[in-house]
């Protein structure tokens, strides 16, 4: 086993995402994880799960705690980075035995930091085939592994008693088409307004503002904004949707995305309608992919009438959990730590 340090990127408690899922999985396998929050608080370290310690002030921890931890352990030390700006400084400050760069986003402004990140990395992990193709062609000699996102069974979305009130059990209410995720610049708000204006469905938005505000949709009568909710409450919201949405514009970011929300929606057995994203197209018969606004809205309205095979969707998600993804990561780390 080893010690794994995650330099500051996302706070542990902010929207449980890929970093928290993968680092939590490494901890469950017996590794000791120091997950460093981006925000600073004078609270030292906090044990939040077995083998997971949240560092609340990274610079102070590096100065006061890390030398003692490193000196008191003979375990190998690794760094898991998901921001390319973190690599060179982490190599200097942590002095790890290995570094893995987890490339899960394709932000253009990050590309100028990428070559330095790759140069200090012993391996690179990525979350979509588009990212894999770009990285393998740009850096043909790196050790590269594709590890997609997954579903967290602890959310219990696959359990029928998750607590929703879908239209078939409440025939008097307006059907709901829901989106869960950050309200980011790549969300197609015009598409959602068009969908709401059909009068056939209430559009529900669950997630925090991220780089933009809800102002463009706030006045729509059939759009309801829930905002950021605790991760533990997401199952209740998703279970109450009749159709689940991935309404992304086609940008460099979204074309490289493997949406976590797709696995969560599918685990609940819900119909999923997405705009034309490569990773959603690879989800075969369990996700409806639309090439334009008209076909997207048509697919949503069709799924309200004929939801399709809920059990097949749930099976798809359960075959692609975060535990499956963590086992793929463990295979890579075992190779790094054995020198293979």
C-alpha atoms as a PDB file:
ATOM      1  CA  UNK A   1       0.000   0.000   0.000  1.00  0.00           C
ATOM      2  CA  UNK A   2       1.031   3.641  -0.165  1.00  0.00           C
ATOM      3  CA  UNK A   3       0.330   7.212   0.856  1.00  0.00           C
ATOM      4  CA  UNK A   4      -1.510   9.279  -1.759  1.00  0.00           C
ATOM      5  CA  UNK A   5      -1.584  13.084  -1.710  1.00  0.00           C
ATOM      6  CA  UNK A   6      -4.174  15.011  -3.713  1.00  0.00           C
ATOM      7  CA  UNK A   7      -3.104  18.675  -4.193  1.00  0.00           C
ATOM      8  CA  UNK A   8      -5.807  21.364  -3.930  1.00  0.00           C
ATOM      9  CA  UNK A   9      -8.424  21.330  -6.689  1.00  0.00           C
ATOM     10  CA  UNK A  10     -11.941  20.717  -5.308  1.00  0.00           C
ATOM     11  CA  UNK A  11     -12.956  20.831  -1.666  1.00  0.00           C
ATOM     12  CA  UNK A  12     -13.882  17.415  -0.323  1.00  0.00           C
ATOM     13  CA  UNK A  13     -17.434  18.484   0.554  1.00  0.00           C
ATOM     14  CA  UNK A  14     -18.214  20.399  -2.682  1.00  0.00           C
ATOM     15  CA  UNK A  15     -20.281  18.332  -5.141  1.00  0.00           C
ATOM     16  CA  UNK A  16     -18.899  14.814  -4.747  1.00  0.00           C
ATOM     17  CA  UNK A  17     -17.236  14.148  -8.071  1.00  0.00           C
ATOM     18  CA  UNK A  18     -14.523  12.070  -9.745  1.00  0.00           C
ATOM     19  CA  UNK A  19     -11.636  13.110  -7.428  1.00  0.00           C
ATOM     20  CA  UNK A  20     -13.549  12.304  -4.229  1.00  0.00           C
ATOM     21  CA  UNK A  21     -14.815   9.022  -5.688  1.00  0.00           C
ATOM     22  CA  UNK A  22     -11.428   7.793  -6.883  1.00  0.00           C
ATOM     23  CA  UNK A  23      -9.459   8.955  -3.850  1.00  0.00           C
ATOM     24  CA  UNK A  24     -12.093   7.483  -1.542  1.00  0.00           C
ATOM     25  CA  UNK A  25     -11.803   4.194  -3.414  1.00  0.00           C
ATOM     26  CA  UNK A  26      -8.021   4.157  -3.026  1.00  0.00           C
ATOM     27  CA  UNK A  27      -8.494   4.675   0.703  1.00  0.00           C
ATOM     28  CA  UNK A  28     -10.922   1.776   0.921  1.00  0.00           C
ATOM     29  CA  UNK A  29      -8.280  -0.434  -0.671  1.00  0.00           C
ATOM     30  CA  UNK A  30      -5.938   0.358   2.221  1.00  0.00           C
ATOM     31  CA  UNK A  31      -4.025   3.401   1.020  1.00  0.00           C
ATOM     32  CA  UNK A  32      -3.732   6.487   3.214  1.00  0.00           C
ATOM     33  CA  UNK A  33      -5.106   9.525   1.395  1.00  0.00           C
ATOM     34  CA  UNK A  34      -4.393  13.158   2.200  1.00  0.00           C
ATOM     35  CA  UNK A  35      -7.037  15.115   0.294  1.00  0.00           C
ATOM     36  CA  UNK A  36      -6.063  18.793   0.269  1.00  0.00           C
ATOM     37  CA  UNK A  37      -8.886  21.324   0.062  1.00  0.00           C
ATOM     38  CA  UNK A  38      -8.621  24.371  -2.143  1.00  0.00           C
ATOM     39  CA  UNK A  39     -10.063  26.718   0.473  1.00  0.00           C
ATOM     40  CA  UNK A  40      -7.910  27.493   3.489  1.00  0.00           C
ATOM     41  CA  UNK A  41      -9.062  27.084   7.078  1.00  0.00           C
ATOM     42  CA  UNK A  42      -6.939  26.968  10.204  1.00  0.00           C
ATOM     43  CA  UNK A  43      -8.232  23.533  11.218  1.00  0.00           C
ATOM     44  CA  UNK A  44      -5.305  21.205  10.559  1.00  0.00           C
ATOM     45  CA  UNK A  45      -6.289  17.752   9.297  1.00  0.00           C
ATOM     46  CA  UNK A  46      -9.678  16.070   9.632  1.00  0.00           C
ATOM     47  CA  UNK A  47     -10.367  12.356   9.261  1.00  0.00           C
ATOM     48  CA  UNK A  48     -13.542  12.150   7.173  1.00  0.00           C
ATOM     49  CA  UNK A  49     -13.520   8.462   6.213  1.00  0.00           C
ATOM     50  CA  UNK A  50     -11.327   5.503   7.074  1.00  0.00           C
ATOM     51  CA  UNK A  51      -7.853   6.316   5.683  1.00  0.00           C
ATOM     52  CA  UNK A  52      -9.007   9.696   4.292  1.00  0.00           C
ATOM     53  CA  UNK A  53      -7.666  12.883   5.876  1.00  0.00           C
ATOM     54  CA  UNK A  54      -8.843  16.255   4.610  1.00  0.00           C
ATOM     55  CA  UNK A  55      -6.146  18.912   4.776  1.00  0.00           C
ATOM     56  CA  UNK A  56      -7.695  22.315   5.389  1.00  0.00           C
ATOM     57  CA  UNK A  57      -4.603  24.470   4.826  1.00  0.00           C
ATOM     58  CA  UNK A  58      -2.272  22.943   2.253  1.00  0.00           C
ATOM     59  CA  UNK A  59       0.688  25.305   2.585  1.00  0.00           C
ATOM     60  CA  UNK A  60       0.699  25.071   6.378  1.00  0.00           C
ATOM     61  CA  UNK A  61       0.357  21.282   6.186  1.00  0.00           C
ATOM     62  CA  UNK A  62       3.334  21.097   3.816  1.00  0.00           C
ATOM     63  CA  UNK A  63       5.412  23.115   6.241  1.00  0.00           C
ATOM     64  CA  UNK A  64       4.315  21.685   9.596  1.00  0.00           C
ATOM     65  CA  UNK A  65       2.863  18.205   9.077  1.00  0.00           C
ATOM     66  CA  UNK A  66       4.102  16.621   5.860  1.00  0.00           C
ATOM     67  CA  UNK A  67       7.806  16.360   6.878  1.00  0.00           C
ATOM     68  CA  UNK A  68       6.781  14.493  10.034  1.00  0.00           C
ATOM     69  CA  UNK A  69       4.390  12.186   8.160  1.00  0.00           C
ATOM     70  CA  UNK A  70       6.987  11.398   5.505  1.00  0.00           C
ATOM     71  CA  UNK A  71       9.758  10.763   8.031  1.00  0.00           C
ATOM     72  CA  UNK A  72       7.537   8.459  10.099  1.00  0.00           C
ATOM     73  CA  UNK A  73       6.522   6.154   7.261  1.00  0.00           C
ATOM     74  CA  UNK A  74       8.348   3.754   4.966  1.00  0.00           C
ATOM     75  CA  UNK A  75       5.408   3.496   2.584  1.00  0.00           C
ATOM     76  CA  UNK A  76       5.730   4.654  -1.014  1.00  0.00           C
ATOM     77  CA  UNK A  77       4.264   8.100  -1.633  1.00  0.00           C
ATOM     78  CA  UNK A  78       2.209   9.034  -4.678  1.00  0.00           C
ATOM     79  CA  UNK A  79       0.594  12.221  -5.933  1.00  0.00           C
ATOM     80  CA  UNK A  80      -2.730  12.171  -7.784  1.00  0.00           C
ATOM     81  CA  UNK A  81      -3.285  15.427  -9.724  1.00  0.00           C
ATOM     82  CA  UNK A  82      -6.337  16.526 -11.656  1.00  0.00           C
ATOM     83  CA  UNK A  83      -5.120  20.042 -12.490  1.00  0.00           C
ATOM     84  CA  UNK A  84      -2.065  20.324 -14.745  1.00  0.00           C
ATOM     85  CA  UNK A  85      -0.836  23.403 -12.881  1.00  0.00           C
ATOM     86  CA  UNK A  86      -0.230  21.246  -9.778  1.00  0.00           C
ATOM     87  CA  UNK A  87       2.345  18.803 -11.068  1.00  0.00           C
ATOM     88  CA  UNK A  88       5.740  20.502 -10.948  1.00  0.00           C
ATOM     89  CA  UNK A  89       5.148  22.117  -7.542  1.00  0.00           C
ATOM     90  CA  UNK A  90       3.805  18.838  -6.118  1.00  0.00           C
ATOM     91  CA  UNK A  91       6.934  17.020  -7.321  1.00  0.00           C
ATOM     92  CA  UNK A  92       9.075  19.611  -5.552  1.00  0.00           C
ATOM     93  CA  UNK A  93       7.043  19.871  -2.336  1.00  0.00           C
ATOM     94  CA  UNK A  94       5.944  16.249  -1.825  1.00  0.00           C
ATOM     95  CA  UNK A  95       8.966  14.463  -3.382  1.00  0.00           C
ATOM     96  CA  UNK A  96       6.765  11.506  -4.354  1.00  0.00           C
ATOM     97  CA  UNK A  97       7.739   8.105  -5.681  1.00  0.00           C
ATOM     98  CA  UNK A  98       5.163   8.465  -8.447  1.00  0.00           C
ATOM     99  CA  UNK A  99       2.791  11.057  -9.916  1.00  0.00           C
ATOM    100  CA  UNK A 100      -0.396  10.356 -11.856  1.00  0.00           C
ATOM    101  CA  UNK A 101      -2.142  13.073 -13.843  1.00  0.00           C
ATOM    102  CA  UNK A 102      -5.887  12.441 -14.050  1.00  0.00           C
ATOM    103  CA  UNK A 103      -7.090  14.370 -17.103  1.00  0.00           C
ATOM    104  CA  UNK A 104     -10.882  14.535 -16.893  1.00  0.00           C
ATOM    105  CA  UNK A 105     -11.515  17.948 -18.486  1.00  0.00           C
ATOM    106  CA  UNK A 106     -10.419  19.576 -21.726  1.00  0.00           C
ATOM    107  CA  UNK A 107     -10.245  23.251 -20.783  1.00  0.00           C
ATOM    108  CA  UNK A 108      -8.281  25.102 -23.459  1.00  0.00           C
ATOM    109  CA  UNK A 109      -6.684  27.418 -20.916  1.00  0.00           C
ATOM    110  CA  UNK A 110      -5.119  24.385 -19.216  1.00  0.00           C
ATOM    111  CA  UNK A 111      -3.271  23.169 -22.312  1.00  0.00           C
ATOM    112  CA  UNK A 112      -0.284  25.464 -21.780  1.00  0.00           C
ATOM    113  CA  UNK A 113       0.407  23.745 -18.449  1.00  0.00           C
ATOM    114  CA  UNK A 114      -0.102  20.230 -19.751  1.00  0.00           C
ATOM    115  CA  UNK A 115       3.345  19.477 -21.180  1.00  0.00           C
ATOM    116  CA  UNK A 116       5.050  20.257 -17.859  1.00  0.00           C
ATOM    117  CA  UNK A 117       2.457  18.163 -16.032  1.00  0.00           C
ATOM    118  CA  UNK A 118       3.021  15.214 -18.340  1.00  0.00           C
ATOM    119  CA  UNK A 119       6.802  15.567 -18.073  1.00  0.00           C
ATOM    120  CA  UNK A 120       6.715  14.981 -14.291  1.00  0.00           C
ATOM    121  CA  UNK A 121       4.046  12.258 -14.429  1.00  0.00           C
ATOM    122  CA  UNK A 122       4.736   8.547 -14.341  1.00  0.00           C
ATOM    123  CA  UNK A 123       1.319   7.858 -15.856  1.00  0.00           C
ATOM    124  CA  UNK A 124      -1.688   9.728 -17.197  1.00  0.00           C
ATOM    125  CA  UNK A 125      -5.303   8.674 -16.693  1.00  0.00           C
ATOM    126  CA  UNK A 126      -8.161  10.147 -18.713  1.00  0.00           C
ATOM    127  CA  UNK A 127     -11.945   9.869 -18.629  1.00  0.00           C
ATOM    128  CA  UNK A 128     -13.059   9.774 -22.274  1.00  0.00           C
ATOM    129  CA  UNK A 129     -12.013   8.368 -25.620  1.00  0.00           C
ATOM    130  CA  UNK A 130     -11.636  11.851 -27.098  1.00  0.00           C
ATOM    131  CA  UNK A 131      -9.151  12.767 -24.356  1.00  0.00           C
ATOM    132  CA  UNK A 132      -7.357   9.451 -24.842  1.00  0.00           C
ATOM    133  CA  UNK A 133      -6.958  10.072 -28.567  1.00  0.00           C
ATOM    134  CA  UNK A 134      -5.677  13.629 -28.075  1.00  0.00           C
ATOM    135  CA  UNK A 135      -3.217  12.714 -25.325  1.00  0.00           C
ATOM    136  CA  UNK A 136      -1.888   9.631 -27.074  1.00  0.00           C
ATOM    137  CA  UNK A 137      -1.206  11.572 -30.273  1.00  0.00           C
ATOM    138  CA  UNK A 138       0.322  14.578 -28.485  1.00  0.00           C
ATOM    139  CA  UNK A 139       2.433  12.529 -26.054  1.00  0.00           C
ATOM    140  CA  UNK A 140       2.985   9.167 -27.791  1.00  0.00           C
ATOM    141  CA  UNK A 141       5.492   7.855 -25.217  1.00  0.00           C
ATOM    142  CA  UNK A 142       3.471   8.327 -22.024  1.00  0.00           C
ATOM    143  CA  UNK A 143       1.854   5.540 -20.035  1.00  0.00           C
ATOM    144  CA  UNK A 144      -1.833   6.304 -20.637  1.00  0.00           C
ATOM    145  CA  UNK A 145      -4.954   4.598 -19.306  1.00  0.00           C
ATOM    146  CA  UNK A 146      -8.626   5.281 -20.028  1.00  0.00           C
ATOM    147  CA  UNK A 147     -10.730   5.185 -16.844  1.00  0.00           C
ATOM    148  CA  UNK A 148     -14.239   6.498 -17.384  1.00  0.00           C
ATOM    149  CA  UNK A 149     -16.551   7.840 -14.690  1.00  0.00           C
ATOM    150  CA  UNK A 150     -19.051   5.667 -12.848  1.00  0.00           C
ATOM    151  CA  UNK A 151     -21.976   5.273 -10.495  1.00  0.00           C
ATOM    152  CA  UNK A 152     -21.811   5.365  -6.696  1.00  0.00           C
ATOM    153  CA  UNK A 153     -24.102   2.615  -5.300  1.00  0.00           C
ATOM    154  CA  UNK A 154     -24.087   4.406  -1.948  1.00  0.00           C
ATOM    155  CA  UNK A 155     -26.508   6.862  -3.550  1.00  0.00           C
ATOM    156  CA  UNK A 156     -29.045   3.986  -3.639  1.00  0.00           C
ATOM    157  CA  UNK A 157     -30.530   5.241  -6.879  1.00  0.00           C
ATOM    158  CA  UNK A 158     -30.793   1.645  -8.070  1.00  0.00           C
ATOM    159  CA  UNK A 159     -33.017   0.785  -5.113  1.00  0.00           C
ATOM    160  CA  UNK A 160     -36.713   1.088  -5.946  1.00  0.00           C
ATOM    161  CA  UNK A 161     -37.489   2.645  -2.564  1.00  0.00           C
ATOM    162  CA  UNK A 162     -35.235   5.652  -3.221  1.00  0.00           C
ATOM    163  CA  UNK A 163     -38.199   7.907  -2.551  1.00  0.00           C
ATOM    164  CA  UNK A 164     -39.306   9.582  -5.765  1.00  0.00           C
ATOM    165  CA  UNK A 165     -42.788  10.517  -6.884  1.00  0.00           C
ATOM    166  CA  UNK A 166     -42.713   9.980 -10.645  1.00  0.00           C
ATOM    167  CA  UNK A 167     -45.769  10.853 -12.695  1.00  0.00           C
ATOM    168  CA  UNK A 168     -47.074   7.300 -12.930  1.00  0.00           C
ATOM    169  CA  UNK A 169     -47.482   7.228  -9.139  1.00  0.00           C
ATOM    170  CA  UNK A 170     -48.760  10.818  -9.016  1.00  0.00           C
ATOM    171  CA  UNK A 171     -50.894  11.158 -12.170  1.00  0.00           C
ATOM    172  CA  UNK A 172     -52.209  14.581 -11.185  1.00  0.00           C
ATOM    173  CA  UNK A 173     -48.912  16.429 -11.413  1.00  0.00           C
ATOM    174  CA  UNK A 174     -47.035  17.842 -14.391  1.00  0.00           C
ATOM    175  CA  UNK A 175     -44.274  15.499 -15.597  1.00  0.00           C
ATOM    176  CA  UNK A 176     -40.742  16.565 -14.685  1.00  0.00           C
ATOM    177  CA  UNK A 177     -37.638  16.682 -16.851  1.00  0.00           C
ATOM    178  CA  UNK A 178     -34.632  17.193 -14.619  1.00  0.00           C
ATOM    179  CA  UNK A 179     -30.983  18.166 -14.860  1.00  0.00           C
ATOM    180  CA  UNK A 180     -28.459  17.579 -12.059  1.00  0.00           C
ATOM    181  CA  UNK A 181     -25.097  19.300 -12.271  1.00  0.00           C
ATOM    182  CA  UNK A 182     -23.288  22.606 -12.156  1.00  0.00           C
ATOM    183  CA  UNK A 183     -25.077  25.432 -13.989  1.00  0.00           C
ATOM    184  CA  UNK A 184     -22.049  26.121 -16.194  1.00  0.00           C
ATOM    185  CA  UNK A 185     -21.454  28.090 -19.417  1.00  0.00           C
ATOM    186  CA  UNK A 186     -21.801  24.908 -21.503  1.00  0.00           C
ATOM    187  CA  UNK A 187     -25.428  24.295 -20.439  1.00  0.00           C
ATOM    188  CA  UNK A 188     -27.826  25.059 -23.302  1.00  0.00           C
ATOM    189  CA  UNK A 189     -30.260  27.355 -21.524  1.00  0.00           C
ATOM    190  CA  UNK A 190     -32.109  28.173 -24.753  1.00  0.00           C
ATOM    191  CA  UNK A 191     -32.867  24.481 -25.237  1.00  0.00           C
ATOM    192  CA  UNK A 192     -34.241  24.227 -21.710  1.00  0.00           C
ATOM    193  CA  UNK A 193     -36.408  27.305 -22.205  1.00  0.00           C
ATOM    194  CA  UNK A 194     -37.817  25.845 -25.423  1.00  0.00           C
ATOM    195  CA  UNK A 195     -38.558  22.577 -23.628  1.00  0.00           C
ATOM    196  CA  UNK A 196     -40.322  24.374 -20.782  1.00  0.00           C
ATOM    197  CA  UNK A 197     -42.384  26.442 -23.203  1.00  0.00           C
ATOM    198  CA  UNK A 198     -43.958  23.343 -24.742  1.00  0.00           C
ATOM    199  CA  UNK A 199     -46.217  23.344 -21.689  1.00  0.00           C
ATOM    200  CA  UNK A 200     -45.866  19.547 -21.492  1.00  0.00           C
ATOM    201  CA  UNK A 201     -43.234  19.320 -18.769  1.00  0.00           C
ATOM    202  CA  UNK A 202     -41.728  21.112 -15.796  1.00  0.00           C
ATOM    203  CA  UNK A 203     -37.952  21.524 -16.093  1.00  0.00           C
ATOM    204  CA  UNK A 204     -36.134  21.106 -12.757  1.00  0.00           C
ATOM    205  CA  UNK A 205     -32.541  22.287 -12.300  1.00  0.00           C
ATOM    206  CA  UNK A 206     -30.467  20.898  -9.419  1.00  0.00           C
ATOM    207  CA  UNK A 207     -26.956  22.237  -8.946  1.00  0.00           C
ATOM    208  CA  UNK A 208     -24.894  25.314  -8.076  1.00  0.00           C
ATOM    209  CA  UNK A 209     -24.116  28.270 -10.296  1.00  0.00           C
ATOM    210  CA  UNK A 210     -20.659  27.740 -11.813  1.00  0.00           C
ATOM    211  CA  UNK A 211     -19.229  30.491 -13.991  1.00  0.00           C
ATOM    212  CA  UNK A 212     -22.694  31.895 -14.762  1.00  0.00           C
ATOM    213  CA  UNK A 213     -25.979  32.729 -13.035  1.00  0.00           C
ATOM    214  CA  UNK A 214     -29.466  31.278 -13.416  1.00  0.00           C
ATOM    215  CA  UNK A 215     -30.728  34.673 -14.609  1.00  0.00           C
ATOM    216  CA  UNK A 216     -31.537  33.562 -18.178  1.00  0.00           C
ATOM    217  CA  UNK A 217     -34.035  30.958 -16.955  1.00  0.00           C
ATOM    218  CA  UNK A 218     -35.161  32.367 -13.625  1.00  0.00           C
ATOM    219  CA  UNK A 219     -38.372  33.934 -14.965  1.00  0.00           C
ATOM    220  CA  UNK A 220     -39.568  30.916 -16.927  1.00  0.00           C
ATOM    221  CA  UNK A 221     -42.847  29.700 -15.391  1.00  0.00           C
ATOM    222  CA  UNK A 222     -42.150  26.022 -16.037  1.00  0.00           C
ATOM    223  CA  UNK A 223     -38.521  25.999 -14.904  1.00  0.00           C
ATOM    224  CA  UNK A 224     -37.882  25.295 -11.228  1.00  0.00           C
ATOM    225  CA  UNK A 225     -34.435  26.009  -9.787  1.00  0.00           C
ATOM    226  CA  UNK A 226     -33.411  23.907  -6.790  1.00  0.00           C
ATOM    227  CA  UNK A 227     -29.756  25.023  -6.763  1.00  0.00           C
ATOM    228  CA  UNK A 228     -27.056  23.200  -4.829  1.00  0.00           C
ATOM    229  CA  UNK A 229     -28.359  20.350  -2.675  1.00  0.00           C
ATOM    230  CA  UNK A 230     -26.415  17.927  -0.441  1.00  0.00           C
ATOM    231  CA  UNK A 231     -25.053  14.906  -2.312  1.00  0.00           C
ATOM    232  CA  UNK A 232     -27.054  12.649   0.002  1.00  0.00           C
ATOM    233  CA  UNK A 233     -30.293  14.262  -1.253  1.00  0.00           C
ATOM    234  CA  UNK A 234     -29.668  13.789  -4.973  1.00  0.00           C
ATOM    235  CA  UNK A 235     -31.382  10.398  -5.030  1.00  0.00           C
ATOM    236  CA  UNK A 236     -34.664  11.970  -3.915  1.00  0.00           C
ATOM    237  CA  UNK A 237     -34.515  14.564  -6.700  1.00  0.00           C
ATOM    238  CA  UNK A 238     -33.523  12.139  -9.454  1.00  0.00           C
ATOM    239  CA  UNK A 239     -36.134   9.607  -8.373  1.00  0.00           C
ATOM    240  CA  UNK A 240     -38.756  12.339  -8.843  1.00  0.00           C
ATOM    241  CA  UNK A 241     -37.809  13.003 -12.467  1.00  0.00           C
ATOM    242  CA  UNK A 242     -39.737  11.379 -15.304  1.00  0.00           C
ATOM    243  CA  UNK A 243     -36.989  12.105 -17.830  1.00  0.00           C
ATOM    244  CA  UNK A 244     -33.379  13.063 -17.081  1.00  0.00           C
ATOM    245  CA  UNK A 245     -31.481  15.587 -19.179  1.00  0.00           C
ATOM    246  CA  UNK A 246     -27.922  16.187 -20.372  1.00  0.00           C
ATOM    247  CA  UNK A 247     -28.475  19.525 -22.179  1.00  0.00           C
ATOM    248  CA  UNK A 248     -24.885  20.400 -23.095  1.00  0.00           C
ATOM    249  CA  UNK A 249     -23.768  22.638 -25.920  1.00  0.00           C
ATOM    250  CA  UNK A 250     -21.134  21.065 -28.173  1.00  0.00           C
ATOM    251  CA  UNK A 251     -17.861  22.611 -27.015  1.00  0.00           C
ATOM    252  CA  UNK A 252     -14.319  21.303 -26.588  1.00  0.00           C
ATOM    253  CA  UNK A 253     -15.155  20.697 -22.918  1.00  0.00           C
ATOM    254  CA  UNK A 254     -18.389  18.776 -23.449  1.00  0.00           C
ATOM    255  CA  UNK A 255     -17.167  16.776 -26.454  1.00  0.00           C
ATOM    256  CA  UNK A 256     -14.470  15.364 -24.160  1.00  0.00           C
ATOM    257  CA  UNK A 257     -16.823  14.800 -21.225  1.00  0.00           C
ATOM    258  CA  UNK A 258     -17.953  11.464 -19.835  1.00  0.00           C
ATOM    259  CA  UNK A 259     -20.905  12.770 -17.779  1.00  0.00           C
ATOM    260  CA  UNK A 260     -21.125  11.331 -14.263  1.00  0.00           C
ATOM    261  CA  UNK A 261     -24.791  12.284 -14.193  1.00  0.00           C
ATOM    262  CA  UNK A 262     -25.536   9.814 -16.999  1.00  0.00           C
ATOM    263  CA  UNK A 263     -24.582   6.878 -14.768  1.00  0.00           C
ATOM    264  CA  UNK A 264     -26.620   8.261 -11.880  1.00  0.00           C
ATOM    265  CA  UNK A 265     -29.703   8.812 -14.019  1.00  0.00           C
ATOM    266  CA  UNK A 266     -29.395   5.331 -15.498  1.00  0.00           C
ATOM    267  CA  UNK A 267     -28.965   3.720 -12.083  1.00  0.00           C
ATOM    268  CA  UNK A 268     -32.384   5.097 -11.167  1.00  0.00           C
ATOM    269  CA  UNK A 269     -33.803   3.464 -14.319  1.00  0.00           C
ATOM    270  CA  UNK A 270     -34.813   6.830 -15.756  1.00  0.00           C
ATOM    271  CA  UNK A 271     -34.991   7.677 -19.456  1.00  0.00           C
ATOM    272  CA  UNK A 272     -32.004   9.855 -20.374  1.00  0.00           C
ATOM    273  CA  UNK A 273     -31.974  12.358 -23.233  1.00  0.00           C
ATOM    274  CA  UNK A 274     -28.669  13.969 -24.200  1.00  0.00           C
ATOM    275  CA  UNK A 275     -27.431  16.374 -26.787  1.00  0.00           C
ATOM    276  CA  UNK A 276     -24.971  14.928 -29.301  1.00  0.00           C
ATOM    277  CA  UNK A 277     -21.946  13.996 -27.150  1.00  0.00           C
ATOM    278  CA  UNK A 278     -19.499  11.247 -28.176  1.00  0.00           C
ATOM    279  CA  UNK A 279     -19.446   9.516 -24.781  1.00  0.00           C
ATOM    280  CA  UNK A 280     -23.257   9.473 -24.604  1.00  0.00           C
ATOM    281  CA  UNK A 281     -23.392   7.971 -28.101  1.00  0.00           C
ATOM    282  CA  UNK A 282     -21.202   5.152 -26.763  1.00  0.00           C
ATOM    283  CA  UNK A 283     -23.850   4.369 -24.160  1.00  0.00           C
ATOM    284  CA  UNK A 284     -25.791   2.561 -26.836  1.00  0.00           C
ATOM    285  CA  UNK A 285     -29.461   1.822 -26.319  1.00  0.00           C
ATOM    286  CA  UNK A 286     -29.720   3.237 -22.786  1.00  0.00           C
ATOM    287  CA  UNK A 287     -29.335   6.937 -23.692  1.00  0.00           C
ATOM    288  CA  UNK A 288     -31.294   8.863 -26.364  1.00  0.00           C
ATOM    289  CA  UNK A 289     -28.971  11.235 -28.236  1.00  0.00           C
ATOM    290  CA  UNK A 290     -30.432  14.198 -30.139  1.00  0.00           C
ATOM    291  CA  UNK A 291     -28.657  16.170 -32.840  1.00  0.00           C
ATOM    292  CA  UNK A 292     -30.654  19.414 -32.526  1.00  0.00           C
ATOM    293  CA  UNK A 293     -33.188  21.210 -30.331  1.00  0.00           C
ATOM    294  CA  UNK A 294     -36.205  19.846 -32.172  1.00  0.00           C
ATOM    295  CA  UNK A 295     -35.152  16.212 -31.868  1.00  0.00           C
ATOM    296  CA  UNK A 296     -34.111  16.691 -28.225  1.00  0.00           C
ATOM    297  CA  UNK A 297     -37.525  18.054 -27.273  1.00  0.00           C
ATOM    298  CA  UNK A 298     -39.219  15.347 -29.329  1.00  0.00           C
ATOM    299  CA  UNK A 299     -37.214  12.636 -27.536  1.00  0.00           C
ATOM    300  CA  UNK A 300     -38.173  14.036 -24.124  1.00  0.00           C
ATOM    301  CA  UNK A 301     -41.870  14.132 -24.992  1.00  0.00           C
ATOM    302  CA  UNK A 302     -41.703  10.634 -26.459  1.00  0.00           C
ATOM    303  CA  UNK A 303     -40.084   9.247 -23.298  1.00  0.00           C
ATOM    304  CA  UNK A 304     -42.841  10.786 -21.206  1.00  0.00           C
ATOM    305  CA  UNK A 305     -45.257   8.547 -23.127  1.00  0.00           C
ATOM    306  CA  UNK A 306     -43.023   5.481 -23.475  1.00  0.00           C
ATOM    307  CA  UNK A 307     -40.287   5.423 -20.808  1.00  0.00           C
ATOM    308  CA  UNK A 308     -38.680   2.210 -22.023  1.00  0.00           C
ATOM    309  CA  UNK A 309     -36.661  -0.454 -20.186  1.00  0.00           C
ATOM    310  CA  UNK A 310     -35.774   0.833 -16.706  1.00  0.00           C
ATOM    311  CA  UNK A 311     -34.166  -2.461 -15.650  1.00  0.00           C
ATOM    312  CA  UNK A 312     -31.720  -2.388 -18.566  1.00  0.00           C
ATOM    313  CA  UNK A 313     -30.603   1.098 -17.606  1.00  0.00           C
ATOM    314  CA  UNK A 314     -30.030   0.107 -14.005  1.00  0.00           C
ATOM    315  CA  UNK A 315     -28.019  -2.947 -15.063  1.00  0.00           C
ATOM    316  CA  UNK A 316     -25.849  -0.739 -17.257  1.00  0.00           C
ATOM    317  CA  UNK A 317     -24.986   1.561 -14.338  1.00  0.00           C
ATOM    318  CA  UNK A 318     -24.362  -1.277 -11.885  1.00  0.00           C
ATOM    319  CA  UNK A 319     -21.839  -2.760 -14.312  1.00  0.00           C
ATOM    320  CA  UNK A 320     -19.940   0.553 -14.290  1.00  0.00           C
ATOM    321  CA  UNK A 321     -19.645   1.653 -10.666  1.00  0.00           C
ATOM    322  CA  UNK A 322     -16.860   3.679  -9.090  1.00  0.00           C
ATOM    323  CA  UNK A 323     -15.631   0.441  -7.514  1.00  0.00           C
ATOM    324  CA  UNK A 324     -15.067  -0.893 -11.037  1.00  0.00           C
ATOM    325  CA  UNK A 325     -13.158   2.272 -11.943  1.00  0.00           C
ATOM    326  CA  UNK A 326     -11.082   2.151  -8.757  1.00  0.00           C
ATOM    327  CA  UNK A 327     -10.006  -1.397  -9.564  1.00  0.00           C
ATOM    328  CA  UNK A 328      -8.743  -0.130 -12.921  1.00  0.00           C
ATOM    329  CA  UNK A 329      -6.754   2.572 -11.113  1.00  0.00           C
ATOM    330  CA  UNK A 330      -5.391   0.033  -8.629  1.00  0.00           C
ATOM    331  CA  UNK A 331      -4.033  -2.061 -11.502  1.00  0.00           C
ATOM    332  CA  UNK A 332      -2.119   0.968 -12.744  1.00  0.00           C
ATOM    333  CA  UNK A 333      -0.757   1.904  -9.316  1.00  0.00           C
ATOM    334  CA  UNK A 334       0.338  -1.677  -8.677  1.00  0.00           C
ATOM    335  CA  UNK A 335       2.393  -1.494 -11.880  1.00  0.00           C
ATOM    336  CA  UNK A 336       3.945   1.834 -10.884  1.00  0.00           C
ATOM    337  CA  UNK A 337       4.817   0.678  -7.385  1.00  0.00           C
ATOM    338  CA  UNK A 338       6.320  -2.590  -8.582  1.00  0.00           C
ATOM    339  CA  UNK A 339       8.418  -0.859 -11.206  1.00  0.00           C
ATOM    340  CA  UNK A 340       6.694  -2.538 -14.132  1.00  0.00           C
END
